[in-house]
Structures are given as structure tokens and as C-alpha cells.
Amino acid sequence: MKNIIHLLGWLFIVAGVIGLFLPFLQGIALLVLGIALISFLSPRTQQKVEYFKKVLGHYWPAGARFLAVLEQKCETVLVRIMRFRKGK
């Protein structure tokens, strides 16, 4: 399961980088989603995300709230996936 989450995180990051150059993909949103997924598995990435949220909250409070909501939604999805996998 960890490998799948890690792979999805990197796929979202790659899609986000591509989305920065293509007008029909939301590059920044995909990058944030990929980093949020990877941060659930990596303590070092989690520390960097926490630092970024603190700095972002100082300069752009709406962006910090968006990141917090996105992180909460990712965690909800991961919990649902884990429950589904346990049921099988």
C-alpha cells in the first residue's frame, strides 16, 4: 500500500510539472496534492510541509488554509482506502 501511495504522489508531481506548462492542467494543485501524498510517508517531507505551511500562513493565509483543507481531504481518502483494503 505504501508503494502505491508513493507512486501516486510522484505521478501527481510529474503531472503537476507538466501542468505548469499546459493550460488545461492545474499544475500547482497537482503538485500540492503529490507532495501531500508523499508527506504521509516521509517524516522529512512532513517537516518541510509544516515549515512551508507556517511561512505560507504568514504571507498568504488563504493559501495556508487551502493547503490544510487539501491535506485533510487526502488523509480522509487514504483512511477510506485503508478501510476498503482491510475489508477484502
C-alpha atoms as a PDB file:
ATOM      1  CA  MET A   1       0.000   0.000   0.000  1.00  0.00           C
ATOM      2  CA  LYS A   2       2.840   2.378   0.813  1.00  0.00           C
ATOM      3  CA  ASN A   3       4.327   1.819  -2.622  1.00  0.00           C
ATOM      4  CA  ILE A   4       1.024   2.705  -4.284  1.00  0.00           C
ATOM      5  CA  ILE A   5       0.698   5.939  -2.294  1.00  0.00           C
ATOM      6  CA  HIS A   6       4.311   6.815  -3.047  1.00  0.00           C
ATOM      7  CA  LEU A   7       3.812   6.105  -6.751  1.00  0.00           C
ATOM      8  CA  LEU A   8       0.595   8.175  -6.847  1.00  0.00           C
ATOM      9  CA  GLY A   9       2.381  11.051  -5.138  1.00  0.00           C
ATOM     10  CA  TRP A  10       5.152  11.060  -7.726  1.00  0.00           C
ATOM     11  CA  LEU A  11       2.659  10.720 -10.590  1.00  0.00           C
ATOM     12  CA  PHE A  12       0.804  13.790  -9.314  1.00  0.00           C
ATOM     13  CA  ILE A  13       4.084  15.690  -9.026  1.00  0.00           C
ATOM     14  CA  VAL A  14       5.064  14.821 -12.598  1.00  0.00           C
ATOM     15  CA  ALA A  15       1.574  15.730 -13.839  1.00  0.00           C
ATOM     16  CA  GLY A  16       1.837  18.989 -11.888  1.00  0.00           C
ATOM     17  CA  VAL A  17       5.129  19.903 -13.530  1.00  0.00           C
ATOM     18  CA  ILE A  18       3.605  19.167 -16.936  1.00  0.00           C
ATOM     19  CA  GLY A  19       0.533  21.147 -15.889  1.00  0.00           C
ATOM     20  CA  LEU A  20       2.649  24.216 -15.235  1.00  0.00           C
ATOM     21  CA  PHE A  21       3.230  24.430 -18.981  1.00  0.00           C
ATOM     22  CA  LEU A  22      -0.137  23.234 -20.287  1.00  0.00           C
ATOM     23  CA  PRO A  23      -3.166  25.484 -19.876  1.00  0.00           C
ATOM     24  CA  PHE A  24      -5.721  22.706 -19.295  1.00  0.00           C
ATOM     25  CA  LEU A  25      -3.989  21.064 -16.283  1.00  0.00           C
ATOM     26  CA  GLN A  26      -3.955  22.614 -12.818  1.00  0.00           C
ATOM     27  CA  GLY A  27      -0.214  22.343 -12.239  1.00  0.00           C
ATOM     28  CA  ILE A  28       0.068  23.871  -8.785  1.00  0.00           C
ATOM     29  CA  ALA A  29      -2.884  21.922  -7.396  1.00  0.00           C
ATOM     30  CA  LEU A  30      -1.428  18.653  -8.697  1.00  0.00           C
ATOM     31  CA  LEU A  31       1.987  19.487  -7.245  1.00  0.00           C
ATOM     32  CA  VAL A  32       0.480  20.228  -3.846  1.00  0.00           C
ATOM     33  CA  LEU A  33      -1.556  17.017  -3.951  1.00  0.00           C
ATOM     34  CA  GLY A  34       1.509  14.945  -4.847  1.00  0.00           C
ATOM     35  CA  ILE A  35       3.598  16.488  -2.086  1.00  0.00           C
ATOM     36  CA  ALA A  36       0.765  15.963   0.410  1.00  0.00           C
ATOM     37  CA  LEU A  37       0.582  12.274  -0.507  1.00  0.00           C
ATOM     38  CA  ILE A  38       4.317  11.801  -0.176  1.00  0.00           C
ATOM     39  CA  SER A  39       4.370  13.684   3.134  1.00  0.00           C
ATOM     40  CA  PHE A  40       2.174  10.996   4.710  1.00  0.00           C
ATOM     41  CA  LEU A  41       5.016   8.503   4.218  1.00  0.00           C
ATOM     42  CA  SER A  42       8.129  10.609   4.728  1.00  0.00           C
ATOM     43  CA  PRO A  43       8.814  12.372   8.038  1.00  0.00           C
ATOM     44  CA  ARG A  44      11.372  14.647   6.362  1.00  0.00           C
ATOM     45  CA  THR A  45       8.852  15.754   3.751  1.00  0.00           C
ATOM     46  CA  GLN A  46       6.280  16.248   6.513  1.00  0.00           C
ATOM     47  CA  GLN A  47       8.688  18.595   8.325  1.00  0.00           C
ATOM     48  CA  LYS A  48       9.234  20.588   5.136  1.00  0.00           C
ATOM     49  CA  VAL A  49       5.465  20.816   4.553  1.00  0.00           C
ATOM     50  CA  GLU A  50       4.911  22.047   8.117  1.00  0.00           C
ATOM     51  CA  TYR A  51       7.595  24.708   7.670  1.00  0.00           C
ATOM     52  CA  PHE A  52       6.104  25.742   4.319  1.00  0.00           C
ATOM     53  CA  LYS A  53       2.618  25.992   5.857  1.00  0.00           C
ATOM     54  CA  LYS A  54       3.975  28.218   8.629  1.00  0.00           C
ATOM     55  CA  VAL A  55       5.726  30.529   6.162  1.00  0.00           C
ATOM     56  CA  LEU A  56       2.759  30.476   3.778  1.00  0.00           C
ATOM     57  CA  GLY A  57       0.373  31.282   6.632  1.00  0.00           C
ATOM     58  CA  HIS A  58       2.442  34.336   7.473  1.00  0.00           C
ATOM     59  CA  TYR A  59       2.431  35.748   3.936  1.00  0.00           C
ATOM     60  CA  TRP A  60      -0.755  34.275   2.445  1.00  0.00           C
ATOM     61  CA  PRO A  61      -3.303  32.971   4.995  1.00  0.00           C
ATOM     62  CA  ALA A  62      -5.792  31.852   2.324  1.00  0.00           C
ATOM     63  CA  GLY A  63      -3.128  29.658   0.723  1.00  0.00           C
ATOM     64  CA  ALA A  64      -2.305  28.071   4.071  1.00  0.00           C
ATOM     65  CA  ARG A  65      -5.997  27.305   4.669  1.00  0.00           C
ATOM     66  CA  PHE A  66      -6.245  25.767   1.188  1.00  0.00           C
ATOM     67  CA  LEU A  67      -3.223  23.581   1.885  1.00  0.00           C
ATOM     68  CA  ALA A  68      -4.662  22.472   5.234  1.00  0.00           C
ATOM     69  CA  VAL A  69      -8.007  21.546   3.646  1.00  0.00           C
ATOM     70  CA  LEU A  70      -6.279  19.682   0.834  1.00  0.00           C
ATOM     71  CA  GLU A  71      -4.138  17.766   3.306  1.00  0.00           C
ATOM     72  CA  GLN A  72      -7.219  16.861   5.358  1.00  0.00           C
ATOM     73  CA  LYS A  73      -9.030  15.594   2.258  1.00  0.00           C
ATOM     74  CA  CYS A  74      -6.025  13.492   1.238  1.00  0.00           C
ATOM     75  CA  GLU A  75      -5.917  11.957   4.686  1.00  0.00           C
ATOM     76  CA  THR A  76      -9.650  11.167   4.508  1.00  0.00           C
ATOM     77  CA  VAL A  77      -9.199   9.445   1.148  1.00  0.00           C
ATOM     78  CA  LEU A  78      -6.247   7.429   2.448  1.00  0.00           C
ATOM     79  CA  VAL A  79      -8.223   6.304   5.504  1.00  0.00           C
ATOM     80  CA  ARG A  80     -11.082   5.172   3.253  1.00  0.00           C
ATOM     81  CA  ILE A  81      -8.667   3.259   1.029  1.00  0.00           C
ATOM     82  CA  MET A  82      -7.146   1.547   4.069  1.00  0.00           C
ATOM     83  CA  ARG A  83     -10.612   0.554   5.350  1.00  0.00           C
ATOM     84  CA  PHE A  84     -11.535  -0.785   1.917  1.00  0.00           C
ATOM     85  CA  ARG A  85      -8.326  -2.841   1.750  1.00  0.00           C
ATOM     86  CA  LYS A  86      -8.949  -4.312   5.218  1.00  0.00           C
ATOM     87  CA  GLY A  87     -12.459  -5.346   4.200  1.00  0.00           C
ATOM     88  CA  LYS A  88     -11.156  -7.542   1.363  1.00  0.00           C
END
